[in-house]
Every structure is written in C-alpha cells, then in structure tokens.
Amino acid sequence: MLVIREKARRLVQFSALILTNLYFQGLIQGAIFTGKSKMFCIPGLHCYSCPSSVLACPVGTVQNILSSEGFLGGIATGRPDSIILLGVIGFLLTFGFIAGRFACGWICPFGLLQGLLYKIPSPKFRIPAKWRDAKYAVLFIFVFILPLTLRTVPGAGGDPWFCKAICPSGTLTAGIPLVLHDSGETFQTGFLFTWKIVLLALVLLWSITSKLPFCRVLCPLGAFWGLAGKASIFRMRVDPSCIRCDRCRSVCPVDLAIYKEPNSAECIRCGRCIDVCPVDAIHHDLRKQARS
C-alpha cells in the first residue's frame, strides 16, 4: 500500500506542477504571464514571477498587498486590495481548517523538489524538533510585519520581504530564469541576488541530507497551515493498540512519531504512517471522531 499511495501522491504533485505552469511561451520569451488566472492562488509556494506560472503565490500576494502604499490608512475605506487580502487569507484558512498541511504534502511544487532531492544517496541527518518553530517567526516577521511597516523609501510602498530576501522557490523558478534570459540588461544581480542564490544552494543541499528542511524550518505557508490545522476537520487518529515501534517515524517526510503528536501542526497528511503500521493503529479521521 505504501508504494501505491506514494505513486498516487507523486502523480498528484506532478499534475499540480504541470497544471500551474502552462505558460510555456514564458519560458521561451522570459515573459511573465498576466492573464486572468493570475487572480487565483495555488495552494502552495510558487512564485508569481515564474515565467511559466499561470497562478499566483498566496504568500507573495499577501505581502504585496500589505506593502502597498497607504494600506494601513486605507483599510477603513474598504479599498479593493484589502478585500483581496481577506479573500486570500480566507482561501488559505479554508485549506487549513479542512486538512491542515495536506497541500504541503500533495500539491506544493517546492515540497516535491525537496522530496526528490532527499532520495539522492548521502549521509542523512535529523532536524532538531525545536528548529521547526523558526517558520512561525518567518511568517510573522517577513510576511506580515516587515511588508506592513518597513518603508525603505519614505512615503512610498514597502517590499515583499520574504520574497525579496528569503524565498528559494522564487529564486529557482523566477529569479534565475528571468536573469538568464535577460542577460543582465534590466534585472539587478547585486548582493541581494547573490545572497538568494547562496540561500537556495544551501536549502537544496540541505534537502539532500534532511527531510523537507525548508518546509519544516522556514516555510511561512507551512506555518500558517500548521496553525490552522490544529482545528482541522481531516486529521490523524492513533488507536490505543499502537505498539510505539517507530516505523511511522522512519517513513514520515517530516520526521514525526505520530503516536506522540497525532494532531501535530507539522503533519502533511501523506498517509505513509498508515501503510507501515504493523498493527493497523493509525488512521485518517474526521474531527468529531478524532482522539488525541
């Protein structure tokens, strides 16, 4: 069953990757798609500026709205971008309240890349559990606080600081392709771009040696869904018959012992633990039946 479930999950992930990157002309011309579908967000981390992308990134959308000039003062007036912001947050909350971080394990393209990199033979290292709290700081500081408050030019709008200073997915799928196509004519490739290339390289190398490091330690979208997932409808249940053999942890993409944290904010609902449990003690369940 584990093999069948993994094949199904990979099929869904690759299908999501293809369906959200249908603007092949953009890869050839180095142009960003601006069609009407860009009004909608993919439930995953995928840069708006990726030349082939036909959807927007929810994290990038939130930052761009918060950093827009006069946003704070204009909330009370019902300006259109505040309504869009509520719509995007509502979109994310809907996914989170239904199934927590399900989209991280089944849809997000950058999660797919990290999972494939981990298959490369190499020494493997566990990530300390306390490190996973860092993504909540990234969410609140770089996605909400800095875009909303930090203005590098007085009187002007701010910047989407997570996209600008951190996001390795954006660097890989948007920054590098656009710069290569542009040949340095218009895009700046100074210190910030170099910093992001280094950060991307470190994340990719880390993904070879540890399970989904960016998802677990730095991803603000995972943090958001993890918080919402604490109240999700679709979750995990572990029966008292569990023998605590740790086979669940050995196959878990986020290194969880699910019997210790059946309602963990880290769980991506992949179902791998269900398939390897020798006593059939682990199940997907609905909230009204779930037990801690």
C-alpha atoms as a PDB file:
ATOM      1  CA  MET A   1       0.000   0.000   0.000  1.00  0.00           C
ATOM      2  CA  LEU A   2       2.861   2.407   0.765  1.00  0.00           C
ATOM      3  CA  VAL A   3       4.181   2.115  -2.787  1.00  0.00           C
ATOM      4  CA  ILE A   4       0.718   2.635  -4.274  1.00  0.00           C
ATOM      5  CA  ARG A   5      -0.004   5.656  -2.072  1.00  0.00           C
ATOM      6  CA  GLU A   6       3.375   7.224  -2.875  1.00  0.00           C
ATOM      7  CA  LYS A   7       2.838   6.761  -6.600  1.00  0.00           C
ATOM      8  CA  ALA A   8      -0.567   8.409  -6.279  1.00  0.00           C
ATOM      9  CA  ARG A   9       0.907  11.289  -4.276  1.00  0.00           C
ATOM     10  CA  ARG A  10       3.695  11.849  -6.795  1.00  0.00           C
ATOM     11  CA  LEU A  11       1.173  11.758  -9.631  1.00  0.00           C
ATOM     12  CA  VAL A  12      -0.912  14.442  -7.921  1.00  0.00           C
ATOM     13  CA  GLN A  13       2.193  16.552  -7.209  1.00  0.00           C
ATOM     14  CA  PHE A  14       3.483  16.370 -10.777  1.00  0.00           C
ATOM     15  CA  SER A  15      -0.002  17.050 -12.145  1.00  0.00           C
ATOM     16  CA  ALA A  16      -0.283  20.148  -9.950  1.00  0.00           C
ATOM     17  CA  LEU A  17       3.148  21.273 -11.138  1.00  0.00           C
ATOM     18  CA  ILE A  18       2.154  20.961 -14.800  1.00  0.00           C
ATOM     19  CA  LEU A  19      -1.306  22.498 -14.423  1.00  0.00           C
ATOM     20  CA  THR A  20       0.069  25.574 -12.668  1.00  0.00           C
ATOM     21  CA  ASN A  21       2.833  26.096 -15.254  1.00  0.00           C
ATOM     22  CA  LEU A  22       1.013  26.045 -18.566  1.00  0.00           C
ATOM     23  CA  TYR A  23       2.505  29.239 -19.986  1.00  0.00           C
ATOM     24  CA  PHE A  24       5.359  27.537 -21.819  1.00  0.00           C
ATOM     25  CA  GLN A  25       5.794  30.584 -24.036  1.00  0.00           C
ATOM     26  CA  GLY A  26       7.011  32.474 -20.991  1.00  0.00           C
ATOM     27  CA  LEU A  27       9.968  30.130 -20.603  1.00  0.00           C
ATOM     28  CA  ILE A  28      10.977  30.810 -24.189  1.00  0.00           C
ATOM     29  CA  GLN A  29      10.482  34.575 -24.129  1.00  0.00           C
ATOM     30  CA  GLY A  30      11.349  35.285 -20.490  1.00  0.00           C
ATOM     31  CA  ALA A  31       7.953  36.961 -20.065  1.00  0.00           C
ATOM     32  CA  ILE A  32       5.623  36.782 -17.072  1.00  0.00           C
ATOM     33  CA  PHE A  33       2.062  35.599 -17.692  1.00  0.00           C
ATOM     34  CA  THR A  34      -0.516  38.281 -16.826  1.00  0.00           C
ATOM     35  CA  GLY A  35      -3.757  36.541 -17.772  1.00  0.00           C
ATOM     36  CA  LYS A  36      -6.911  36.453 -15.674  1.00  0.00           C
ATOM     37  CA  SER A  37      -5.967  33.172 -13.980  1.00  0.00           C
ATOM     38  CA  LYS A  38      -3.276  35.099 -12.072  1.00  0.00           C
ATOM     39  CA  MET A  39      -6.121  36.419  -9.910  1.00  0.00           C
ATOM     40  CA  PHE A  40      -6.187  32.990  -8.264  1.00  0.00           C
ATOM     41  CA  CYS A  41      -3.632  31.427  -5.951  1.00  0.00           C
ATOM     42  CA  ILE A  42      -2.096  27.996  -5.995  1.00  0.00           C
ATOM     43  CA  PRO A  43      -2.294  26.243  -2.604  1.00  0.00           C
ATOM     44  CA  GLY A  44       1.477  26.086  -2.405  1.00  0.00           C
ATOM     45  CA  LEU A  45       4.674  28.114  -2.617  1.00  0.00           C
ATOM     46  CA  HIS A  46       5.091  29.062  -6.280  1.00  0.00           C
ATOM     47  CA  CYS A  47       6.356  32.436  -7.461  1.00  0.00           C
ATOM     48  CA  TYR A  48       4.034  34.794  -9.330  1.00  0.00           C
ATOM     49  CA  SER A  49       7.014  35.847 -11.460  1.00  0.00           C
ATOM     50  CA  CYS A  50       7.873  32.340 -12.654  1.00  0.00           C
ATOM     51  CA  PRO A  51       7.703  32.707 -16.466  1.00  0.00           C
ATOM     52  CA  SER A  52       5.523  29.604 -16.903  1.00  0.00           C
ATOM     53  CA  SER A  53       3.213  30.180 -13.929  1.00  0.00           C
ATOM     54  CA  VAL A  54      -0.474  30.791 -14.598  1.00  0.00           C
ATOM     55  CA  LEU A  55      -1.411  31.230 -10.926  1.00  0.00           C
ATOM     56  CA  ALA A  56      -0.227  33.457  -8.088  1.00  0.00           C
ATOM     57  CA  CYS A  57       1.558  32.576  -4.865  1.00  0.00           C
ATOM     58  CA  PRO A  58      -0.623  33.249  -1.787  1.00  0.00           C
ATOM     59  CA  VAL A  59       2.363  34.300   0.322  1.00  0.00           C
ATOM     60  CA  GLY A  60       3.564  36.748  -2.315  1.00  0.00           C
ATOM     61  CA  THR A  61       0.056  38.127  -2.805  1.00  0.00           C
ATOM     62  CA  VAL A  62      -0.375  38.814   0.913  1.00  0.00           C
ATOM     63  CA  GLN A  63       2.961  40.623   1.117  1.00  0.00           C
ATOM     64  CA  ASN A  64       2.363  42.753  -1.955  1.00  0.00           C
ATOM     65  CA  ILE A  65      -0.966  43.949  -0.601  1.00  0.00           C
ATOM     66  CA  LEU A  66       0.384  44.666   2.884  1.00  0.00           C
ATOM     67  CA  SER A  67       3.332  46.584   1.437  1.00  0.00           C
ATOM     68  CA  SER A  68       1.222  48.730  -0.882  1.00  0.00           C
ATOM     69  CA  GLU A  69       1.346  52.479  -0.274  1.00  0.00           C
ATOM     70  CA  GLY A  70      -1.204  53.702   2.265  1.00  0.00           C
ATOM     71  CA  PHE A  71      -2.583  50.248   3.001  1.00  0.00           C
ATOM     72  CA  LEU A  72      -2.938  50.731   6.759  1.00  0.00           C
ATOM     73  CA  GLY A  73      -4.681  54.055   6.415  1.00  0.00           C
ATOM     74  CA  GLY A  74      -6.969  52.768   3.693  1.00  0.00           C
ATOM     75  CA  ILE A  75      -8.334  49.666   5.404  1.00  0.00           C
ATOM     76  CA  ALA A  76     -11.268  51.549   6.907  1.00  0.00           C
ATOM     77  CA  THR A  77     -12.294  52.849   3.486  1.00  0.00           C
ATOM     78  CA  GLY A  78     -12.787  49.353   2.107  1.00  0.00           C
ATOM     79  CA  ARG A  79     -10.159  49.768  -0.606  1.00  0.00           C
ATOM     80  CA  PRO A  80     -10.224  46.854  -3.081  1.00  0.00           C
ATOM     81  CA  ASP A  81      -6.866  45.359  -2.145  1.00  0.00           C
ATOM     82  CA  SER A  82      -7.998  44.894   1.465  1.00  0.00           C
ATOM     83  CA  ILE A  83     -10.908  42.830   0.166  1.00  0.00           C
ATOM     84  CA  ILE A  84      -8.483  40.785  -1.945  1.00  0.00           C
ATOM     85  CA  LEU A  85      -6.304  40.252   1.118  1.00  0.00           C
ATOM     86  CA  LEU A  86      -9.259  38.899   3.078  1.00  0.00           C
ATOM     87  CA  GLY A  87     -10.061  36.622   0.149  1.00  0.00           C
ATOM     88  CA  VAL A  88      -6.537  35.187   0.020  1.00  0.00           C
ATOM     89  CA  ILE A  89      -6.409  34.640   3.776  1.00  0.00           C
ATOM     90  CA  GLY A  90      -9.844  33.045   3.605  1.00  0.00           C
ATOM     91  CA  PHE A  91      -8.600  30.770   0.820  1.00  0.00           C
ATOM     92  CA  LEU A  92      -5.652  29.659   2.960  1.00  0.00           C
ATOM     93  CA  LEU A  93      -7.763  29.213   6.079  1.00  0.00           C
ATOM     94  CA  THR A  94     -10.225  27.056   4.164  1.00  0.00           C
ATOM     95  CA  PHE A  95      -7.453  24.658   3.179  1.00  0.00           C
ATOM     96  CA  GLY A  96      -6.006  24.713   6.689  1.00  0.00           C
ATOM     97  CA  PHE A  97      -9.288  24.173   8.524  1.00  0.00           C
ATOM     98  CA  ILE A  98     -10.223  21.295   6.254  1.00  0.00           C
ATOM     99  CA  ALA A  99      -6.964  19.339   6.253  1.00  0.00           C
ATOM    100  CA  GLY A 100      -4.099  21.246   7.877  1.00  0.00           C
ATOM    101  CA  ARG A 101      -0.930  20.938   5.820  1.00  0.00           C
ATOM    102  CA  PHE A 102      -2.401  18.497   3.301  1.00  0.00           C
ATOM    103  CA  ALA A 103      -1.443  20.793   0.396  1.00  0.00           C
ATOM    104  CA  CYS A 104       2.192  20.763   1.558  1.00  0.00           C
ATOM    105  CA  GLY A 105       2.362  17.022   1.010  1.00  0.00           C
ATOM    106  CA  TRP A 106       0.188  16.696  -2.083  1.00  0.00           C
ATOM    107  CA  ILE A 107       0.366  19.942  -4.126  1.00  0.00           C
ATOM    108  CA  CYS A 108       3.252  22.306  -3.320  1.00  0.00           C
ATOM    109  CA  PRO A 109       5.915  22.164  -6.090  1.00  0.00           C
ATOM    110  CA  PHE A 110       8.819  23.105  -3.823  1.00  0.00           C
ATOM    111  CA  GLY A 111       7.903  20.315  -1.422  1.00  0.00           C
ATOM    112  CA  LEU A 112       8.006  17.909  -4.358  1.00  0.00           C
ATOM    113  CA  LEU A 113      11.514  19.070  -5.282  1.00  0.00           C
ATOM    114  CA  GLN A 114      12.804  18.603  -1.737  1.00  0.00           C
ATOM    115  CA  GLY A 115      11.295  15.127  -1.543  1.00  0.00           C
ATOM    116  CA  LEU A 116      13.048  14.089  -4.746  1.00  0.00           C
ATOM    117  CA  LEU A 117      16.376  15.541  -3.608  1.00  0.00           C
ATOM    118  CA  TYR A 118      16.220  13.523  -0.377  1.00  0.00           C
ATOM    119  CA  LYS A 119      16.287  10.341  -2.460  1.00  0.00           C
ATOM    120  CA  ILE A 120      19.865  11.120  -3.527  1.00  0.00           C
ATOM    121  CA  PRO A 121      22.239   8.788  -1.628  1.00  0.00           C
ATOM    122  CA  SER A 122      24.073  10.733   1.066  1.00  0.00           C
ATOM    123  CA  PRO A 123      24.557  10.862   4.838  1.00  0.00           C
ATOM    124  CA  LYS A 124      21.178  11.673   6.407  1.00  0.00           C
ATOM    125  CA  PHE A 125      20.629  13.936   9.423  1.00  0.00           C
ATOM    126  CA  ARG A 126      17.590  14.618  11.583  1.00  0.00           C
ATOM    127  CA  ILE A 127      16.471  18.188  12.151  1.00  0.00           C
ATOM    128  CA  PRO A 128      16.064  19.109  15.844  1.00  0.00           C
ATOM    129  CA  ALA A 129      12.372  19.475  16.703  1.00  0.00           C
ATOM    130  CA  LYS A 130      12.880  22.930  18.230  1.00  0.00           C
ATOM    131  CA  TRP A 131      14.112  24.288  14.883  1.00  0.00           C
ATOM    132  CA  ARG A 132      10.668  23.927  13.338  1.00  0.00           C
ATOM    133  CA  ASP A 133       9.412  26.902  15.352  1.00  0.00           C
ATOM    134  CA  ALA A 134      11.577  29.205  13.212  1.00  0.00           C
ATOM    135  CA  LYS A 135       8.994  29.195  10.406  1.00  0.00           C
ATOM    136  CA  TYR A 136       6.471  30.949  12.660  1.00  0.00           C
ATOM    137  CA  ALA A 137       8.955  33.790  13.138  1.00  0.00           C
ATOM    138  CA  VAL A 138       9.453  33.916   9.358  1.00  0.00           C
ATOM    139  CA  LEU A 139       5.675  34.081   8.865  1.00  0.00           C
ATOM    140  CA  PHE A 140       5.038  36.912  11.299  1.00  0.00           C
ATOM    141  CA  ILE A 141       8.194  38.953  10.666  1.00  0.00           C
ATOM    142  CA  PHE A 142       8.849  38.612   6.926  1.00  0.00           C
ATOM    143  CA  VAL A 143       5.319  38.050   5.606  1.00  0.00           C
ATOM    144  CA  PHE A 144       3.284  40.326   7.876  1.00  0.00           C
ATOM    145  CA  ILE A 145       5.291  42.784   9.982  1.00  0.00           C
ATOM    146  CA  LEU A 146       8.073  43.961   7.631  1.00  0.00           C
ATOM    147  CA  PRO A 147       5.923  44.407   4.485  1.00  0.00           C
ATOM    148  CA  LEU A 148       3.389  46.293   6.566  1.00  0.00           C
ATOM    149  CA  THR A 149       5.784  48.575   8.443  1.00  0.00           C
ATOM    150  CA  LEU A 150       9.210  48.840   6.804  1.00  0.00           C
ATOM    151  CA  ARG A 151       9.500  51.516   4.130  1.00  0.00           C
ATOM    152  CA  THR A 152      12.942  51.884   2.554  1.00  0.00           C
ATOM    153  CA  VAL A 153      11.729  54.984   0.671  1.00  0.00           C
ATOM    154  CA  PRO A 154       9.785  57.474   2.867  1.00  0.00           C
ATOM    155  CA  GLY A 155       6.218  57.966   1.701  1.00  0.00           C
ATOM    156  CA  ALA A 156       6.368  55.065  -0.756  1.00  0.00           C
ATOM    157  CA  GLY A 157       5.174  51.496  -0.542  1.00  0.00           C
ATOM    158  CA  GLY A 158       7.122  48.720   1.130  1.00  0.00           C
ATOM    159  CA  ASP A 159       8.560  45.460  -0.109  1.00  0.00           C
ATOM    160  CA  PRO A 160       7.500  41.791  -0.031  1.00  0.00           C
ATOM    161  CA  TRP A 161      10.363  40.903   2.282  1.00  0.00           C
ATOM    162  CA  PHE A 162      10.005  37.140   2.320  1.00  0.00           C
ATOM    163  CA  CYS A 163      10.028  37.061  -1.490  1.00  0.00           C
ATOM    164  CA  LYS A 164      12.815  39.622  -1.682  1.00  0.00           C
ATOM    165  CA  ALA A 165      15.194  38.240   0.922  1.00  0.00           C
ATOM    166  CA  ILE A 166      14.399  34.561   1.510  1.00  0.00           C
ATOM    167  CA  CYS A 167      12.129  32.575  -0.812  1.00  0.00           C
ATOM    168  CA  PRO A 168      14.275  29.882  -2.509  1.00  0.00           C
ATOM    169  CA  SER A 169      11.342  28.756  -4.620  1.00  0.00           C
ATOM    170  CA  GLY A 170      11.091  32.221  -6.160  1.00  0.00           C
ATOM    171  CA  THR A 171      14.831  32.320  -6.799  1.00  0.00           C
ATOM    172  CA  LEU A 172      14.764  28.950  -8.543  1.00  0.00           C
ATOM    173  CA  THR A 173      11.610  29.318 -10.615  1.00  0.00           C
ATOM    174  CA  ALA A 174      11.589  33.069 -11.288  1.00  0.00           C
ATOM    175  CA  GLY A 175      14.844  34.833 -10.415  1.00  0.00           C
ATOM    176  CA  ILE A 176      17.258  32.531 -12.211  1.00  0.00           C
ATOM    177  CA  PRO A 177      15.186  32.009 -15.410  1.00  0.00           C
ATOM    178  CA  LEU A 178      14.465  35.726 -15.777  1.00  0.00           C
ATOM    179  CA  VAL A 179      18.068  36.778 -15.180  1.00  0.00           C
ATOM    180  CA  LEU A 180      19.409  34.150 -17.585  1.00  0.00           C
ATOM    181  CA  HIS A 181      17.001  35.268 -20.289  1.00  0.00           C
ATOM    182  CA  ASP A 182      17.647  38.948 -19.631  1.00  0.00           C
ATOM    183  CA  SER A 183      21.454  38.606 -19.726  1.00  0.00           C
ATOM    184  CA  GLY A 184      21.769  41.323 -17.090  1.00  0.00           C
ATOM    185  CA  GLU A 185      20.229  44.082 -19.205  1.00  0.00           C
ATOM    186  CA  THR A 186      17.466  45.151 -16.807  1.00  0.00           C
ATOM    187  CA  PHE A 187      17.447  42.829 -13.798  1.00  0.00           C
ATOM    188  CA  GLN A 188      19.723  43.701 -10.900  1.00  0.00           C
ATOM    189  CA  THR A 189      22.095  40.925  -9.867  1.00  0.00           C
ATOM    190  CA  GLY A 190      23.899  42.543  -6.969  1.00  0.00           C
ATOM    191  CA  PHE A 191      24.320  41.499  -3.357  1.00  0.00           C
ATOM    192  CA  LEU A 192      20.669  40.563  -2.790  1.00  0.00           C
ATOM    193  CA  PHE A 193      20.536  38.240  -5.779  1.00  0.00           C
ATOM    194  CA  THR A 194      23.846  36.652  -4.775  1.00  0.00           C
ATOM    195  CA  TRP A 195      22.551  36.170  -1.232  1.00  0.00           C
ATOM    196  CA  LYS A 196      19.423  34.447  -2.526  1.00  0.00           C
ATOM    197  CA  ILE A 197      21.447  32.163  -4.815  1.00  0.00           C
ATOM    198  CA  VAL A 198      23.585  31.131  -1.840  1.00  0.00           C
ATOM    199  CA  LEU A 199      20.488  30.566   0.288  1.00  0.00           C
ATOM    200  CA  LEU A 200      18.881  28.490  -2.471  1.00  0.00           C
ATOM    201  CA  ALA A 201      22.020  26.371  -2.812  1.00  0.00           C
ATOM    202  CA  LEU A 202      22.107  25.769   0.945  1.00  0.00           C
ATOM    203  CA  VAL A 203      18.442  24.746   1.025  1.00  0.00           C
ATOM    204  CA  LEU A 204      18.864  22.371  -1.914  1.00  0.00           C
ATOM    205  CA  LEU A 205      21.964  20.777  -0.367  1.00  0.00           C
ATOM    206  CA  TRP A 206      20.180  20.518   2.981  1.00  0.00           C
ATOM    207  CA  SER A 207      17.269  18.808   1.230  1.00  0.00           C
ATOM    208  CA  ILE A 208      19.611  16.023   0.144  1.00  0.00           C
ATOM    209  CA  THR A 209      20.637  15.264   3.724  1.00  0.00           C
ATOM    210  CA  SER A 210      17.436  16.046   5.695  1.00  0.00           C
ATOM    211  CA  LYS A 211      13.720  15.517   5.146  1.00  0.00           C
ATOM    212  CA  LEU A 212      11.927  18.586   3.750  1.00  0.00           C
ATOM    213  CA  PRO A 213      14.079  21.125   5.644  1.00  0.00           C
ATOM    214  CA  PHE A 214      12.591  24.259   4.112  1.00  0.00           C
ATOM    215  CA  CYS A 215       9.032  23.045   4.706  1.00  0.00           C
ATOM    216  CA  ARG A 216       9.768  22.206   8.313  1.00  0.00           C
ATOM    217  CA  VAL A 217      12.019  25.100   9.342  1.00  0.00           C
ATOM    218  CA  LEU A 218      11.436  28.150   7.137  1.00  0.00           C
ATOM    219  CA  CYS A 219       8.227  27.950   5.102  1.00  0.00           C
ATOM    220  CA  PRO A 220       5.670  30.580   6.217  1.00  0.00           C
ATOM    221  CA  LEU A 221       2.881  28.876   4.281  1.00  0.00           C
ATOM    222  CA  GLY A 222       3.505  25.665   6.181  1.00  0.00           C
ATOM    223  CA  ALA A 223       3.454  27.665   9.419  1.00  0.00           C
ATOM    224  CA  PHE A 224       0.109  29.239   8.505  1.00  0.00           C
ATOM    225  CA  TRP A 225      -1.481  25.929   7.582  1.00  0.00           C
ATOM    226  CA  GLY A 226       0.028  24.261  10.629  1.00  0.00           C
ATOM    227  CA  LEU A 227      -1.660  26.765  12.926  1.00  0.00           C
ATOM    228  CA  ALA A 228      -4.995  26.393  11.114  1.00  0.00           C
ATOM    229  CA  GLY A 229      -4.541  22.629  11.088  1.00  0.00           C
ATOM    230  CA  LYS A 230      -4.780  22.468  14.862  1.00  0.00           C
ATOM    231  CA  ALA A 231      -8.519  22.878  14.305  1.00  0.00           C
ATOM    232  CA  SER A 232      -8.751  20.935  11.030  1.00  0.00           C
ATOM    233  CA  ILE A 233     -11.583  18.562  10.186  1.00  0.00           C
ATOM    234  CA  PHE A 234      -9.427  15.960   8.431  1.00  0.00           C
ATOM    235  CA  ARG A 235      -6.669  14.731  10.730  1.00  0.00           C
ATOM    236  CA  MET A 236      -4.923  11.667  12.111  1.00  0.00           C
ATOM    237  CA  ARG A 237      -6.066   9.181  14.746  1.00  0.00           C
ATOM    238  CA  VAL A 238      -3.872   6.721  16.626  1.00  0.00           C
ATOM    239  CA  ASP A 239      -5.627   3.814  18.379  1.00  0.00           C
ATOM    240  CA  PRO A 240      -4.619   2.512  21.822  1.00  0.00           C
ATOM    241  CA  SER A 241      -3.391  -0.651  20.096  1.00  0.00           C
ATOM    242  CA  CYS A 242      -0.292   1.264  18.931  1.00  0.00           C
ATOM    243  CA  ILE A 243       2.895  -0.558  19.991  1.00  0.00           C
ATOM    244  CA  ARG A 244       5.174   2.503  19.540  1.00  0.00           C
ATOM    245  CA  CYS A 245       7.563   0.700  17.218  1.00  0.00           C
ATOM    246  CA  ASP A 246       8.568   3.956  15.499  1.00  0.00           C
ATOM    247  CA  ARG A 247       8.022   2.609  11.999  1.00  0.00           C
ATOM    248  CA  CYS A 248       5.762   5.592  11.412  1.00  0.00           C
ATOM    249  CA  ARG A 249       8.597   7.982  12.146  1.00  0.00           C
ATOM    250  CA  SER A 250      11.028   6.113   9.903  1.00  0.00           C
ATOM    251  CA  VAL A 251       8.875   6.809   6.817  1.00  0.00           C
ATOM    252  CA  CYS A 252       7.421  10.189   7.795  1.00  0.00           C
ATOM    253  CA  PRO A 253       8.506  13.023   5.437  1.00  0.00           C
ATOM    254  CA  VAL A 254       8.518  15.451   8.376  1.00  0.00           C
ATOM    255  CA  ASP A 255      10.051  13.020  10.899  1.00  0.00           C
ATOM    256  CA  LEU A 256       7.036  12.709  13.205  1.00  0.00           C
ATOM    257  CA  ALA A 257       6.311   9.927  15.651  1.00  0.00           C
ATOM    258  CA  ILE A 258       2.598  10.263  15.004  1.00  0.00           C
ATOM    259  CA  TYR A 259       1.616   8.380  18.182  1.00  0.00           C
ATOM    260  CA  LYS A 260       3.231  11.206  20.179  1.00  0.00           C
ATOM    261  CA  GLU A 261       1.676  14.027  18.146  1.00  0.00           C
ATOM    262  CA  PRO A 262      -1.438  12.753  16.321  1.00  0.00           C
ATOM    263  CA  ASN A 263      -2.630  16.324  15.836  1.00  0.00           C
ATOM    264  CA  SER A 264       0.757  17.855  15.089  1.00  0.00           C
ATOM    265  CA  ALA A 265       0.938  21.148  13.202  1.00  0.00           C
ATOM    266  CA  GLU A 266       3.743  19.543  11.182  1.00  0.00           C
ATOM    267  CA  CYS A 267       1.743  16.630   9.746  1.00  0.00           C
ATOM    268  CA  ILE A 268       1.253  16.861   5.956  1.00  0.00           C
ATOM    269  CA  ARG A 269      -1.400  14.082   5.840  1.00  0.00           C
ATOM    270  CA  CYS A 270       0.619  11.994   3.375  1.00  0.00           C
ATOM    271  CA  GLY A 271      -0.597   8.703   4.879  1.00  0.00           C
ATOM    272  CA  ARG A 272       2.751   6.912   4.822  1.00  0.00           C
ATOM    273  CA  CYS A 273       2.481   6.076   8.514  1.00  0.00           C
ATOM    274  CA  ILE A 274      -0.863   4.344   7.911  1.00  0.00           C
ATOM    275  CA  ASP A 275       0.656   1.949   5.407  1.00  0.00           C
ATOM    276  CA  VAL A 276       3.619   0.818   7.536  1.00  0.00           C
ATOM    277  CA  CYS A 277       1.866   0.406  10.892  1.00  0.00           C
ATOM    278  CA  PRO A 278       2.150  -3.321  11.790  1.00  0.00           C
ATOM    279  CA  VAL A 279      -0.976  -3.271  13.989  1.00  0.00           C
ATOM    280  CA  ASP A 280      -3.160  -1.002  11.828  1.00  0.00           C
ATOM    281  CA  ALA A 281      -3.414   1.566  14.626  1.00  0.00           C
ATOM    282  CA  ILE A 282      -3.101   4.753  12.539  1.00  0.00           C
ATOM    283  CA  HIS A 283      -5.942   6.204  10.506  1.00  0.00           C
ATOM    284  CA  HIS A 284      -7.153   9.302   8.727  1.00  0.00           C
ATOM    285  CA  ASP A 285     -10.199  10.532  10.619  1.00  0.00           C
ATOM    286  CA  LEU A 286     -12.683  13.338  10.980  1.00  0.00           C
ATOM    287  CA  ARG A 287     -12.502  15.778  13.880  1.00  0.00           C
ATOM    288  CA  LYS A 288     -15.706  14.598  15.537  1.00  0.00           C
ATOM    289  CA  GLN A 289     -14.192  11.127  15.923  1.00  0.00           C
ATOM    290  CA  ALA A 290     -10.555  12.062  16.478  1.00  0.00           C
ATOM    291  CA  ARG A 291      -8.848  11.308  19.758  1.00  0.00           C
ATOM    292  CA  SER A 292      -5.536  12.676  20.975  1.00  0.00           C
END
